[in-house]
C-alpha atoms as a PDB file:
ATOM      1  CA  UNK A   1     178.705  12.449 -91.093  1.00  0.00           C
ATOM      2  CA  UNK A   2     174.930  12.638 -90.627  1.00  0.00           C
ATOM      3  CA  UNK A   3     173.417  15.891 -91.891  1.00  0.00           C
ATOM      4  CA  UNK A   4     169.929  17.340 -91.245  1.00  0.00           C
ATOM      5  CA  UNK A   5     167.972  19.645 -93.481  1.00  0.00           C
ATOM      6  CA  UNK A   6     166.825  22.946 -91.931  1.00  0.00           C
ATOM      7  CA  UNK A   7     163.188  21.804 -91.897  1.00  0.00           C
ATOM      8  CA  UNK A   8     163.968  18.566 -90.085  1.00  0.00           C
ATOM      9  CA  UNK A   9     166.151  20.415 -87.576  1.00  0.00           C
ATOM     10  CA  UNK A  10     163.341  22.924 -86.915  1.00  0.00           C
ATOM     11  CA  UNK A  11     160.837  20.121 -86.306  1.00  0.00           C
ATOM     12  CA  UNK A  12     163.290  18.452 -83.941  1.00  0.00           C
ATOM     13  CA  UNK A  13     163.765  21.633 -81.906  1.00  0.00           C
ATOM     14  CA  UNK A  14     159.995  22.198 -81.708  1.00  0.00           C
ATOM     15  CA  UNK A  15     159.497  18.658 -80.453  1.00  0.00           C
ATOM     16  CA  UNK A  16     162.051  19.256 -77.743  1.00  0.00           C
ATOM     17  CA  UNK A  17     160.306  22.467 -76.695  1.00  0.00           C
ATOM     18  CA  UNK A  18     156.886  20.821 -76.485  1.00  0.00           C
ATOM     19  CA  UNK A  19     158.214  17.831 -74.542  1.00  0.00           C
ATOM     20  CA  UNK A  20     159.837  20.167 -72.015  1.00  0.00           C
ATOM     21  CA  UNK A  21     156.458  21.798 -71.405  1.00  0.00           C
ATOM     22  CA  UNK A  22     154.438  18.598 -71.475  1.00  0.00           C
ATOM     23  CA  UNK A  23     152.296  18.528 -68.315  1.00  0.00           C
ATOM     24  CA  UNK A  24     152.043  14.732 -68.487  1.00  0.00           C
ATOM     25  CA  UNK A  25     155.728  14.249 -67.655  1.00  0.00           C
ATOM     26  CA  UNK A  26     156.710  13.194 -64.124  1.00  0.00           C
ATOM     27  CA  UNK A  27     158.838  16.260 -63.497  1.00  0.00           C
ATOM     28  CA  UNK A  28     157.250  19.142 -61.620  1.00  0.00           C
ATOM     29  CA  UNK A  29     158.531  22.592 -60.749  1.00  0.00           C
ATOM     30  CA  UNK A  30     159.943  22.997 -57.265  1.00  0.00           C
ATOM     31  CA  UNK A  31     157.512  24.326 -54.691  1.00  0.00           C
ATOM     32  CA  UNK A  32     158.256  26.886 -52.006  1.00  0.00           C
ATOM     33  CA  UNK A  33     158.965  24.199 -49.384  1.00  0.00           C
ATOM     34  CA  UNK A  34     160.879  21.769 -51.617  1.00  0.00           C
ATOM     35  CA  UNK A  35     164.056  23.586 -50.570  1.00  0.00           C
ATOM     36  CA  UNK A  36     165.219  25.016 -47.282  1.00  0.00           C
ATOM     37  CA  UNK A  37     164.671  23.647 -43.779  1.00  0.00           C
ATOM     38  CA  UNK A  38     161.424  22.589 -42.115  1.00  0.00           C
ATOM     39  CA  UNK A  39     161.415  23.139 -38.349  1.00  0.00           C
ATOM     40  CA  UNK A  40     159.045  20.894 -36.436  1.00  0.00           C
ATOM     41  CA  UNK A  41     157.367  22.559 -33.456  1.00  0.00           C
ATOM     42  CA  UNK A  42     155.662  20.003 -31.237  1.00  0.00           C
ATOM     43  CA  UNK A  43     153.293  22.475 -29.591  1.00  0.00           C
ATOM     44  CA  UNK A  44     152.152  22.585 -25.977  1.00  0.00           C
ATOM     45  CA  UNK A  45     150.133  19.914 -24.214  1.00  0.00           C
ATOM     46  CA  UNK A  46     146.455  20.784 -24.020  1.00  0.00           C
ATOM     47  CA  UNK A  47     146.676  23.539 -26.615  1.00  0.00           C
ATOM     48  CA  UNK A  48     147.598  21.071 -29.409  1.00  0.00           C
ATOM     49  CA  UNK A  49     149.208  23.916 -31.337  1.00  0.00           C
ATOM     50  CA  UNK A  50     151.923  21.987 -33.149  1.00  0.00           C
ATOM     51  CA  UNK A  51     153.093  23.529 -36.427  1.00  0.00           C
ATOM     52  CA  UNK A  52     155.846  23.674 -39.032  1.00  0.00           C
ATOM     53  CA  UNK A  53     158.080  26.674 -39.711  1.00  0.00           C
ATOM     54  CA  UNK A  54     160.047  27.012 -42.939  1.00  0.00           C
ATOM     55  CA  UNK A  55     163.536  28.501 -42.912  1.00  0.00           C
ATOM     56  CA  UNK A  56     165.198  29.825 -46.042  1.00  0.00           C
ATOM     57  CA  UNK A  57     168.859  29.586 -44.971  1.00  0.00           C
ATOM     58  CA  UNK A  58     170.051  31.694 -47.896  1.00  0.00           C
ATOM     59  CA  UNK A  59     167.874  34.670 -46.960  1.00  0.00           C
ATOM     60  CA  UNK A  60     167.567  33.900 -43.250  1.00  0.00           C
ATOM     61  CA  UNK A  61     163.770  34.275 -43.433  1.00  0.00           C
ATOM     62  CA  UNK A  62     161.245  32.281 -41.398  1.00  0.00           C
ATOM     63  CA  UNK A  63     157.730  31.425 -42.606  1.00  0.00           C
ATOM     64  CA  UNK A  64     155.493  30.435 -39.658  1.00  0.00           C
ATOM     65  CA  UNK A  65     152.335  28.290 -39.581  1.00  0.00           C
ATOM     66  CA  UNK A  66     153.048  26.567 -42.886  1.00  0.00           C
ATOM     67  CA  UNK A  67     150.287  23.942 -42.549  1.00  0.00           C
ATOM     68  CA  UNK A  68     147.610  26.403 -41.405  1.00  0.00           C
ATOM     69  CA  UNK A  69     148.445  28.922 -44.126  1.00  0.00           C
ATOM     70  CA  UNK A  70     148.213  26.264 -46.829  1.00  0.00           C
ATOM     71  CA  UNK A  71     144.977  24.638 -45.629  1.00  0.00           C
ATOM     72  CA  UNK A  72     143.090  27.469 -43.866  1.00  0.00           C
ATOM     73  CA  UNK A  73     142.825  25.417 -40.684  1.00  0.00           C
ATOM     74  CA  UNK A  74     145.175  24.748 -37.766  1.00  0.00           C
ATOM     75  CA  UNK A  75     147.133  21.530 -37.573  1.00  0.00           C
ATOM     76  CA  UNK A  76     145.370  20.870 -34.247  1.00  0.00           C
ATOM     77  CA  UNK A  77     147.710  18.316 -32.735  1.00  0.00           C
ATOM     78  CA  UNK A  78     151.023  17.717 -30.999  1.00  0.00           C
ATOM     79  CA  UNK A  79     153.514  17.237 -33.837  1.00  0.00           C
ATOM     80  CA  UNK A  80     155.680  14.168 -33.245  1.00  0.00           C
ATOM     81  CA  UNK A  81     157.397  13.495 -36.579  1.00  0.00           C
ATOM     82  CA  UNK A  82     157.870  14.717 -40.160  1.00  0.00           C
ATOM     83  CA  UNK A  83     158.472  11.956 -42.708  1.00  0.00           C
ATOM     84  CA  UNK A  84     159.135  12.468 -46.425  1.00  0.00           C
ATOM     85  CA  UNK A  85     158.223   9.354 -48.441  1.00  0.00           C
ATOM     86  CA  UNK A  86     157.231   8.802 -52.094  1.00  0.00           C
ATOM     87  CA  UNK A  87     156.564  12.481 -52.924  1.00  0.00           C
ATOM     88  CA  UNK A  88     154.388  12.896 -49.835  1.00  0.00           C
ATOM     89  CA  UNK A  89     155.073  14.541 -46.512  1.00  0.00           C
ATOM     90  CA  UNK A  90     153.550  12.895 -43.437  1.00  0.00           C
ATOM     91  CA  UNK A  91     152.901  15.007 -40.333  1.00  0.00           C
ATOM     92  CA  UNK A  92     152.501  12.652 -37.384  1.00  0.00           C
ATOM     93  CA  UNK A  93     150.557  13.944 -34.363  1.00  0.00           C
ATOM     94  CA  UNK A  94     150.903  11.894 -31.185  1.00  0.00           C
ATOM     95  CA  UNK A  95     147.419  13.122 -30.318  1.00  0.00           C
ATOM     96  CA  UNK A  96     145.931  10.632 -32.769  1.00  0.00           C
ATOM     97  CA  UNK A  97     146.305  11.464 -36.469  1.00  0.00           C
ATOM     98  CA  UNK A  98     148.599  11.584 -39.498  1.00  0.00           C
ATOM     99  CA  UNK A  99     148.175  14.425 -41.995  1.00  0.00           C
ATOM    100  CA  UNK A 100     149.376  13.858 -45.571  1.00  0.00           C
ATOM    101  CA  UNK A 101     150.439  16.931 -47.574  1.00  0.00           C
ATOM    102  CA  UNK A 102     152.205  17.832 -50.790  1.00  0.00           C
ATOM    103  CA  UNK A 103     155.829  18.573 -49.896  1.00  0.00           C
ATOM    104  CA  UNK A 104     156.163  21.638 -52.106  1.00  0.00           C
ATOM    105  CA  UNK A 105     153.159  23.640 -50.916  1.00  0.00           C
ATOM    106  CA  UNK A 106     151.761  21.738 -47.887  1.00  0.00           C
ATOM    107  CA  UNK A 107     148.324  21.414 -49.489  1.00  0.00           C
ATOM    108  CA  UNK A 108     146.424  18.552 -47.897  1.00  0.00           C
ATOM    109  CA  UNK A 109     146.257  15.203 -49.698  1.00  0.00           C
ATOM    110  CA  UNK A 110     144.517  13.184 -47.012  1.00  0.00           C
ATOM    111  CA  UNK A 111     144.540  12.164 -43.365  1.00  0.00           C
ATOM    112  CA  UNK A 112     144.437   9.165 -41.046  1.00  0.00           C
ATOM    113  CA  UNK A 113     142.466  10.327 -38.017  1.00  0.00           C
ATOM    114  CA  UNK A 114     140.459   7.353 -36.765  1.00  0.00           C
ATOM    115  CA  UNK A 115     141.539   4.296 -34.774  1.00  0.00           C
ATOM    116  CA  UNK A 116     144.902   5.795 -33.793  1.00  0.00           C
ATOM    117  CA  UNK A 117     145.972   6.449 -30.201  1.00  0.00           C
ATOM    118  CA  UNK A 118     149.498   7.855 -29.879  1.00  0.00           C
ATOM    119  CA  UNK A 119     151.225   7.558 -33.269  1.00  0.00           C
ATOM    120  CA  UNK A 120     154.980   8.111 -33.340  1.00  0.00           C
ATOM    121  CA  UNK A 121     156.211   7.692 -36.917  1.00  0.00           C
ATOM    122  CA  UNK A 122     155.307   6.341 -40.347  1.00  0.00           C
ATOM    123  CA  UNK A 123     156.867   4.521 -43.286  1.00  0.00           C
ATOM    124  CA  UNK A 124     155.601   3.360 -46.678  1.00  0.00           C
ATOM    125  CA  UNK A 125     155.988  -0.176 -48.043  1.00  0.00           C
ATOM    126  CA  UNK A 126     154.181  -2.176 -50.714  1.00  0.00           C
ATOM    127  CA  UNK A 127     151.722   0.661 -51.375  1.00  0.00           C
ATOM    128  CA  UNK A 128     150.692   0.862 -47.713  1.00  0.00           C
ATOM    129  CA  UNK A 129     151.260   3.093 -44.712  1.00  0.00           C
ATOM    130  CA  UNK A 130     152.726   1.567 -41.563  1.00  0.00           C
ATOM    131  CA  UNK A 131     152.256   3.762 -38.468  1.00  0.00           C
ATOM    132  CA  UNK A 132     153.951   3.013 -35.142  1.00  0.00           C
ATOM    133  CA  UNK A 133     151.617   3.700 -32.219  1.00  0.00           C
ATOM    134  CA  UNK A 134     152.065   3.411 -28.441  1.00  0.00           C
ATOM    135  CA  UNK A 135     148.446   2.404 -28.131  1.00  0.00           C
ATOM    136  CA  UNK A 136     146.246   3.464 -25.191  1.00  0.00           C
ATOM    137  CA  UNK A 137     147.495   3.875 -21.632  1.00  0.00           C
ATOM    138  CA  UNK A 138     146.254   1.414 -19.041  1.00  0.00           C
ATOM    139  CA  UNK A 139     145.314   2.343 -15.460  1.00  0.00           C
ATOM    140  CA  UNK A 140     149.022   2.532 -14.502  1.00  0.00           C
ATOM    141  CA  UNK A 141     150.036   4.591 -17.573  1.00  0.00           C
ATOM    142  CA  UNK A 142     151.738   1.640 -19.217  1.00  0.00           C
ATOM    143  CA  UNK A 143     151.289   0.813 -22.908  1.00  0.00           C
ATOM    144  CA  UNK A 144     150.779  -2.979 -23.119  1.00  0.00           C
ATOM    145  CA  UNK A 145     148.715  -2.726 -26.324  1.00  0.00           C
ATOM    146  CA  UNK A 146     151.194  -1.035 -28.666  1.00  0.00           C
ATOM    147  CA  UNK A 147     150.857  -1.718 -32.389  1.00  0.00           C
ATOM    148  CA  UNK A 148     151.744  -0.790 -35.942  1.00  0.00           C
ATOM    149  CA  UNK A 149     148.673   0.411 -37.820  1.00  0.00           C
ATOM    150  CA  UNK A 150     148.325  -0.497 -41.503  1.00  0.00           C
ATOM    151  CA  UNK A 151     146.540   1.754 -44.015  1.00  0.00           C
ATOM    152  CA  UNK A 152     145.946   0.620 -47.602  1.00  0.00           C
ATOM    153  CA  UNK A 153     147.249   3.320 -49.944  1.00  0.00           C
ATOM    154  CA  UNK A 154     149.622   6.229 -49.354  1.00  0.00           C
ATOM    155  CA  UNK A 155     147.202   9.176 -49.200  1.00  0.00           C
ATOM    156  CA  UNK A 156     145.549   8.496 -45.867  1.00  0.00           C
ATOM    157  CA  UNK A 157     142.304   6.669 -45.167  1.00  0.00           C
ATOM    158  CA  UNK A 158     141.182   4.115 -42.621  1.00  0.00           C
ATOM    159  CA  UNK A 159     143.195   1.731 -40.491  1.00  0.00           C
ATOM    160  CA  UNK A 160     142.645  -1.772 -41.890  1.00  0.00           C
ATOM    161  CA  UNK A 161     144.751  -3.697 -39.375  1.00  0.00           C
ATOM    162  CA  UNK A 162     146.774  -3.307 -36.178  1.00  0.00           C
ATOM    163  CA  UNK A 163     149.864  -5.493 -35.826  1.00  0.00           C
ATOM    164  CA  UNK A 164     150.721  -6.054 -32.129  1.00  0.00           C
ATOM    165  CA  UNK A 165     154.333  -5.145 -31.265  1.00  0.00           C
ATOM    166  CA  UNK A 166     156.358  -4.645 -28.079  1.00  0.00           C
ATOM    167  CA  UNK A 167     155.677  -1.609 -25.902  1.00  0.00           C
ATOM    168  CA  UNK A 168     156.336   1.910 -27.186  1.00  0.00           C
ATOM    169  CA  UNK A 169     157.400   1.479 -30.846  1.00  0.00           C
ATOM    170  CA  UNK A 170     159.282   4.467 -32.208  1.00  0.00           C
ATOM    171  CA  UNK A 171     161.048   4.757 -35.566  1.00  0.00           C
ATOM    172  CA  UNK A 172     160.299   2.619 -38.641  1.00  0.00           C
ATOM    173  CA  UNK A 173     162.419   1.579 -41.621  1.00  0.00           C
ATOM    174  CA  UNK A 174     161.302  -0.182 -44.810  1.00  0.00           C
ATOM    175  CA  UNK A 175     163.438  -2.389 -47.022  1.00  0.00           C
ATOM    176  CA  UNK A 176     161.889  -4.518 -49.745  1.00  0.00           C
ATOM    177  CA  UNK A 177     158.945  -6.350 -48.212  1.00  0.00           C
ATOM    178  CA  UNK A 178     160.170  -5.830 -44.646  1.00  0.00           C
ATOM    179  CA  UNK A 179     159.299  -3.130 -42.113  1.00  0.00           C
ATOM    180  CA  UNK A 180     161.666  -2.742 -39.159  1.00  0.00           C
ATOM    181  CA  UNK A 181     160.147  -1.468 -35.900  1.00  0.00           C
ATOM    182  CA  UNK A 182     162.183   0.074 -33.059  1.00  0.00           C
ATOM    183  CA  UNK A 183     160.424  -1.311 -29.965  1.00  0.00           C
ATOM    184  CA  UNK A 184     161.918   1.028 -27.388  1.00  0.00           C
ATOM    185  CA  UNK A 185     160.490  -0.281 -24.124  1.00  0.00           C
ATOM    186  CA  UNK A 186     160.872  -3.933 -25.085  1.00  0.00           C
ATOM    187  CA  UNK A 187     164.524  -3.517 -26.199  1.00  0.00           C
ATOM    188  CA  UNK A 188     163.618  -5.208 -29.482  1.00  0.00           C
ATOM    189  CA  UNK A 189     163.664  -4.596 -33.210  1.00  0.00           C
ATOM    190  CA  UNK A 190     160.704  -6.356 -34.738  1.00  0.00           C
ATOM    191  CA  UNK A 191     160.676  -7.184 -38.441  1.00  0.00           C
ATOM    192  CA  UNK A 192     157.258  -7.161 -40.094  1.00  0.00           C
ATOM    193  CA  UNK A 193     156.312  -8.722 -43.415  1.00  0.00           C
ATOM    194  CA  UNK A 194     154.636  -5.923 -45.374  1.00  0.00           C
ATOM    195  CA  UNK A 195     152.746  -8.395 -47.571  1.00  0.00           C
ATOM    196  CA  UNK A 196     151.253 -10.662 -44.908  1.00  0.00           C
ATOM    197  CA  UNK A 197     151.153  -7.853 -42.301  1.00  0.00           C
ATOM    198  CA  UNK A 198     152.544 -10.183 -39.650  1.00  0.00           C
ATOM    199  CA  UNK A 199     155.652 -10.184 -37.455  1.00  0.00           C
ATOM    200  CA  UNK A 200     158.383 -12.090 -39.280  1.00  0.00           C
ATOM    201  CA  UNK A 201     161.294 -11.923 -36.837  1.00  0.00           C
ATOM    202  CA  UNK A 202     162.370 -10.321 -33.541  1.00  0.00           C
ATOM    203  CA  UNK A 203     165.894  -9.131 -32.694  1.00  0.00           C
ATOM    204  CA  UNK A 204     167.021  -8.432 -29.118  1.00  0.00           C
ATOM    205  CA  UNK A 205     168.884  -5.147 -28.639  1.00  0.00           C
ATOM    206  CA  UNK A 206     171.415  -4.095 -25.937  1.00  0.00           C
ATOM    207  CA  UNK A 207     169.339  -1.029 -25.024  1.00  0.00           C
ATOM    208  CA  UNK A 208     166.219   0.834 -26.051  1.00  0.00           C
ATOM    209  CA  UNK A 209     166.146   1.108 -29.885  1.00  0.00           C
ATOM    210  CA  UNK A 210     164.716   4.438 -31.017  1.00  0.00           C
ATOM    211  CA  UNK A 211     166.062   5.518 -34.411  1.00  0.00           C
ATOM    212  CA  UNK A 212     167.183   3.837 -37.630  1.00  0.00           C
ATOM    213  CA  UNK A 213     169.711   5.259 -40.056  1.00  0.00           C
ATOM    214  CA  UNK A 214     171.831   4.188 -43.007  1.00  0.00           C
ATOM    215  CA  UNK A 215     175.614   4.151 -42.851  1.00  0.00           C
ATOM    216  CA  UNK A 216     177.682   3.090 -45.858  1.00  0.00           C
ATOM    217  CA  UNK A 217     174.620   1.391 -47.333  1.00  0.00           C
ATOM    218  CA  UNK A 218     173.960  -0.681 -44.210  1.00  0.00           C
ATOM    219  CA  UNK A 219     171.057  -0.437 -41.768  1.00  0.00           C
ATOM    220  CA  UNK A 220     171.874   0.694 -38.225  1.00  0.00           C
ATOM    221  CA  UNK A 221     169.767   1.404 -35.164  1.00  0.00           C
ATOM    222  CA  UNK A 222     170.587   3.756 -32.277  1.00  0.00           C
ATOM    223  CA  UNK A 223     169.896   2.336 -28.805  1.00  0.00           C
ATOM    224  CA  UNK A 224     170.498   3.639 -25.293  1.00  0.00           C
ATOM    225  CA  UNK A 225     170.140   2.858 -21.605  1.00  0.00           C
ATOM    226  CA  UNK A 226     170.897   4.896 -18.463  1.00  0.00           C
ATOM    227  CA  UNK A 227     174.677   4.651 -18.804  1.00  0.00           C
ATOM    228  CA  UNK A 228     175.549   3.878 -22.418  1.00  0.00           C
ATOM    229  CA  UNK A 229     174.544   4.298 -26.047  1.00  0.00           C
ATOM    230  CA  UNK A 230     174.787   1.610 -28.715  1.00  0.00           C
ATOM    231  CA  UNK A 231     175.005   1.764 -32.491  1.00  0.00           C
ATOM    232  CA  UNK A 232     173.923  -1.618 -33.832  1.00  0.00           C
ATOM    233  CA  UNK A 233     174.187  -2.704 -37.470  1.00  0.00           C
ATOM    234  CA  UNK A 234     171.576  -5.062 -38.890  1.00  0.00           C
ATOM    235  CA  UNK A 235     171.995  -7.228 -41.960  1.00  0.00           C
ATOM    236  CA  UNK A 236     169.270  -6.421 -44.485  1.00  0.00           C
ATOM    237  CA  UNK A 237     169.686  -9.766 -46.195  1.00  0.00           C
ATOM    238  CA  UNK A 238     170.175 -12.011 -43.152  1.00  0.00           C
ATOM    239  CA  UNK A 239     167.913  -9.921 -40.884  1.00  0.00           C
ATOM    240  CA  UNK A 240     170.388 -10.374 -38.048  1.00  0.00           C
ATOM    241  CA  UNK A 241     172.504  -8.227 -35.748  1.00  0.00           C
ATOM    242  CA  UNK A 242     176.053  -7.771 -37.032  1.00  0.00           C
ATOM    243  CA  UNK A 243     178.206  -5.422 -34.953  1.00  0.00           C
ATOM    244  CA  UNK A 244     177.756  -3.003 -32.058  1.00  0.00           C
ATOM    245  CA  UNK A 245     179.666   0.184 -31.221  1.00  0.00           C
ATOM    246  CA  UNK A 246     179.240   1.180 -27.556  1.00  0.00           C
ATOM    247  CA  UNK A 247     179.932   4.560 -25.958  1.00  0.00           C
ATOM    248  CA  UNK A 248     179.826   5.555 -22.252  1.00  0.00           C
ATOM    249  CA  UNK A 249     177.219   8.311 -22.631  1.00  0.00           C
ATOM    250  CA  UNK A 250     174.784   8.502 -19.724  1.00  0.00           C
ATOM    251  CA  UNK A 251     171.261   9.920 -19.756  1.00  0.00           C
ATOM    252  CA  UNK A 252     170.817   9.934 -23.547  1.00  0.00           C
ATOM    253  CA  UNK A 253     167.386  11.173 -24.567  1.00  0.00           C
ATOM    254  CA  UNK A 254     167.079   9.111 -27.734  1.00  0.00           C
ATOM    255  CA  UNK A 255     167.428  12.137 -30.014  1.00  0.00           C
ATOM    256  CA  UNK A 256     170.425  12.104 -32.352  1.00  0.00           C
ATOM    257  CA  UNK A 257     171.573  13.720 -35.600  1.00  0.00           C
ATOM    258  CA  UNK A 258     173.829  12.125 -38.193  1.00  0.00           C
ATOM    259  CA  UNK A 259     176.676  14.423 -39.193  1.00  0.00           C
ATOM    260  CA  UNK A 260     179.344  13.921 -41.832  1.00  0.00           C
ATOM    261  CA  UNK A 261     180.579  10.384 -42.538  1.00  0.00           C
ATOM    262  CA  UNK A 262     180.062   8.306 -39.358  1.00  0.00           C
ATOM    263  CA  UNK A 263     179.785  11.210 -36.894  1.00  0.00           C
ATOM    264  CA  UNK A 264     176.707  11.525 -34.653  1.00  0.00           C
ATOM    265  CA  UNK A 265     175.470  14.216 -32.271  1.00  0.00           C
ATOM    266  CA  UNK A 266     173.757  12.699 -29.214  1.00  0.00           C
ATOM    267  CA  UNK A 267     171.412  14.696 -26.972  1.00  0.00           C
ATOM    268  CA  UNK A 268     171.543  14.040 -23.209  1.00  0.00           C
ATOM    269  CA  UNK A 269     169.496  15.296 -20.266  1.00  0.00           C
ATOM    270  CA  UNK A 270     169.623  14.708 -16.515  1.00  0.00           C
ATOM    271  CA  UNK A 271     165.882  15.327 -16.261  1.00  0.00           C
ATOM    272  CA  UNK A 272     164.064  16.558 -13.215  1.00  0.00           C
ATOM    273  CA  UNK A 273     164.956  18.451 -11.027  1.00  0.00           C
ATOM    274  CA  UNK A 274     168.122  20.096 -12.391  1.00  0.00           C
ATOM    275  CA  UNK A 275     167.696  19.486 -16.147  1.00  0.00           C
ATOM    276  CA  UNK A 276     171.356  19.631 -17.103  1.00  0.00           C
ATOM    277  CA  UNK A 277     171.444  18.957 -20.840  1.00  0.00           C
ATOM    278  CA  UNK A 278     174.277  18.337 -23.253  1.00  0.00           C
ATOM    279  CA  UNK A 279     175.476  17.188 -26.653  1.00  0.00           C
ATOM    280  CA  UNK A 280     178.044  14.441 -27.071  1.00  0.00           C
ATOM    281  CA  UNK A 281     179.761  13.764 -30.400  1.00  0.00           C
ATOM    282  CA  UNK A 282     180.820  10.269 -31.426  1.00  0.00           C
ATOM    283  CA  UNK A 283     182.452   8.618 -34.415  1.00  0.00           C
ATOM    284  CA  UNK A 284     181.097   5.107 -34.904  1.00  0.00           C
ATOM    285  CA  UNK A 285     184.013   3.987 -37.066  1.00  0.00           C
ATOM    286  CA  UNK A 286     186.947   5.255 -34.998  1.00  0.00           C
ATOM    287  CA  UNK A 287     185.259   5.038 -31.607  1.00  0.00           C
ATOM    288  CA  UNK A 288     186.181   8.614 -30.667  1.00  0.00           C
ATOM    289  CA  UNK A 289     183.980  10.508 -28.207  1.00  0.00           C
ATOM    290  CA  UNK A 290     183.601  14.186 -27.294  1.00  0.00           C
ATOM    291  CA  UNK A 291     181.409  13.976 -24.159  1.00  0.00           C
ATOM    292  CA  UNK A 292     180.658  17.672 -23.583  1.00  0.00           C
ATOM    293  CA  UNK A 293     180.551  19.348 -26.968  1.00  0.00           C
ATOM    294  CA  UNK A 294     177.775  21.644 -25.660  1.00  0.00           C
ATOM    295  CA  UNK A 295     176.103  22.081 -22.255  1.00  0.00           C
ATOM    296  CA  UNK A 296     172.970  23.927 -21.228  1.00  0.00           C
ATOM    297  CA  UNK A 297     169.311  23.516 -20.335  1.00  0.00           C
ATOM    298  CA  UNK A 298     166.156  23.022 -22.365  1.00  0.00           C
ATOM    299  CA  UNK A 299     167.736  20.980 -25.202  1.00  0.00           C
ATOM    300  CA  UNK A 300     164.859  19.238 -26.986  1.00  0.00           C
ATOM    301  CA  UNK A 301     165.896  18.367 -30.543  1.00  0.00           C
ATOM    302  CA  UNK A 302     168.895  18.255 -32.834  1.00  0.00           C
ATOM    303  CA  UNK A 303     169.601  18.163 -36.569  1.00  0.00           C
ATOM    304  CA  UNK A 304     172.443  18.462 -39.036  1.00  0.00           C
ATOM    305  CA  UNK A 305     172.482  20.347 -42.335  1.00  0.00           C
ATOM    306  CA  UNK A 306     174.805  18.328 -44.617  1.00  0.00           C
ATOM    307  CA  UNK A 307     174.970  21.048 -47.266  1.00  0.00           C
ATOM    308  CA  UNK A 308     176.207  23.769 -44.920  1.00  0.00           C
ATOM    309  CA  UNK A 309     177.776  21.412 -42.381  1.00  0.00           C
ATOM    310  CA  UNK A 310     175.938  23.077 -39.513  1.00  0.00           C
ATOM    311  CA  UNK A 311     174.369  21.694 -36.331  1.00  0.00           C
ATOM    312  CA  UNK A 312     170.832  22.802 -35.416  1.00  0.00           C
ATOM    313  CA  UNK A 313     169.963  22.685 -31.720  1.00  0.00           C
ATOM    314  CA  UNK A 314     166.322  23.102 -30.654  1.00  0.00           C
ATOM    315  CA  UNK A 315     165.632  24.533 -27.203  1.00  0.00           C
ATOM    316  CA  UNK A 316     162.060  24.271 -25.881  1.00  0.00           C
ATOM    317  CA  UNK A 317     162.678  26.899 -23.173  1.00  0.00           C
ATOM    318  CA  UNK A 318     160.653  24.833 -20.724  1.00  0.00           C
ATOM    319  CA  UNK A 319     157.586  25.240 -22.975  1.00  0.00           C
ATOM    320  CA  UNK A 320     157.169  28.709 -21.490  1.00  0.00           C
ATOM    321  CA  UNK A 321     156.293  30.547 -24.667  1.00  0.00           C
ATOM    322  CA  UNK A 322     158.190  30.139 -27.924  1.00  0.00           C
ATOM    323  CA  UNK A 323     161.312  28.043 -28.286  1.00  0.00           C
ATOM    324  CA  UNK A 324     164.634  28.744 -29.909  1.00  0.00           C
ATOM    325  CA  UNK A 325     166.951  27.237 -32.503  1.00  0.00           C
ATOM    326  CA  UNK A 326     170.699  27.802 -32.275  1.00  0.00           C
ATOM    327  CA  UNK A 327     172.863  27.065 -35.303  1.00  0.00           C
ATOM    328  CA  UNK A 328     176.503  26.008 -34.810  1.00  0.00           C
ATOM    329  CA  UNK A 329     179.449  25.314 -37.039  1.00  0.00           C
ATOM    330  CA  UNK A 330     181.094  21.922 -36.616  1.00  0.00           C
ATOM    331  CA  UNK A 331     183.815  23.723 -34.678  1.00  0.00           C
ATOM    332  CA  UNK A 332     181.204  24.707 -32.094  1.00  0.00           C
ATOM    333  CA  UNK A 333     181.090  28.383 -33.032  1.00  0.00           C
ATOM    334  CA  UNK A 334     177.598  29.880 -32.960  1.00  0.00           C
ATOM    335  CA  UNK A 335     176.293  30.990 -36.359  1.00  0.00           C
ATOM    336  CA  UNK A 336     172.770  32.219 -35.634  1.00  0.00           C
ATOM    337  CA  UNK A 337     169.922  32.129 -33.154  1.00  0.00           C
ATOM    338  CA  UNK A 338     166.243  31.959 -34.193  1.00  0.00           C
ATOM    339  CA  UNK A 339     162.990  32.367 -32.279  1.00  0.00           C
ATOM    340  CA  UNK A 340     160.580  29.668 -33.448  1.00  0.00           C
ATOM    341  CA  UNK A 341     157.347  28.034 -32.187  1.00  0.00           C
ATOM    342  CA  UNK A 342     156.302  26.039 -29.123  1.00  0.00           C
ATOM    343  CA  UNK A 343     158.466  23.024 -28.356  1.00  0.00           C
ATOM    344  CA  UNK A 344     160.837  22.848 -31.358  1.00  0.00           C
ATOM    345  CA  UNK A 345     161.973  19.237 -31.565  1.00  0.00           C
ATOM    346  CA  UNK A 346     163.191  18.296 -35.043  1.00  0.00           C
ATOM    347  CA  UNK A 347     164.256  19.316 -38.528  1.00  0.00           C
ATOM    348  CA  UNK A 348     163.832  18.179 -42.112  1.00  0.00           C
ATOM    349  CA  UNK A 349     166.545  19.422 -44.452  1.00  0.00           C
ATOM    350  CA  UNK A 350     165.400  19.677 -48.073  1.00  0.00           C
END
């Protein structure tokens, strides 16, 4: 048996204490916003008053205007996406900028605010930012000059290159040296080489691809058309389409939330003039479908809290004042109802 003298043991304990307090270590204390739920409020067109609200689900308390409170200035944009990557939180405004903040306290790190038109989302790869952007509208309100903007470094800066892609790129996904782009209007997934910053491969999709997700370690993309939705798996190694699960869900909006296992909540809307909205629930593995899990009007975003197994439904209330978030159990029973900001559209569960 190895024995230590009292002096050696004391020195060992002191060393442990100092190492635990060493400010040079990578660990950092949790910030206020490192836990809880971030509610993305798009804001209203023209006012550009998008913002983030923080919900503490344990206490039921809401903290409004998180970005403005942290930085003493308004966000000043229409908030399109919240992306957490490499210890940074990216706030994407489709009015032409990407704000970079510290996730724990929302203090600004940097910004990309030049040479962007209508950014939609962002991903990091090979020490760079890749930003999907619709590009400018032409005279007929089409977007023939869509692109993925490349920024060197992860803390904002200038756009160094624009990679042309098919019209209206949405979600992005990075794997190794590849960046996958959901080209919604072109019905394509384009694969970019993050090193050369060129298009490497293009995959045709059965509908409009809008959102990537991981399922059992594989890459999938959610697609839709007027009458159906498609869940398409893509081989990360072969960069090819593998299998497709199809469901007869009409008028899908492109907004979904991944629930437990292979369950997904799909938002639908009839659009103008009646605006009959709904939520359908599907299981990709078994093929089961619940077409009318919820019905109503004003549905604008959806999310799923995996820790509490609760569904979060955002209602924009026609952008007439503040919106609302309704929380449901998986059974469909209502848990709570919250008044939030203008145009609530998404959630980030921490």
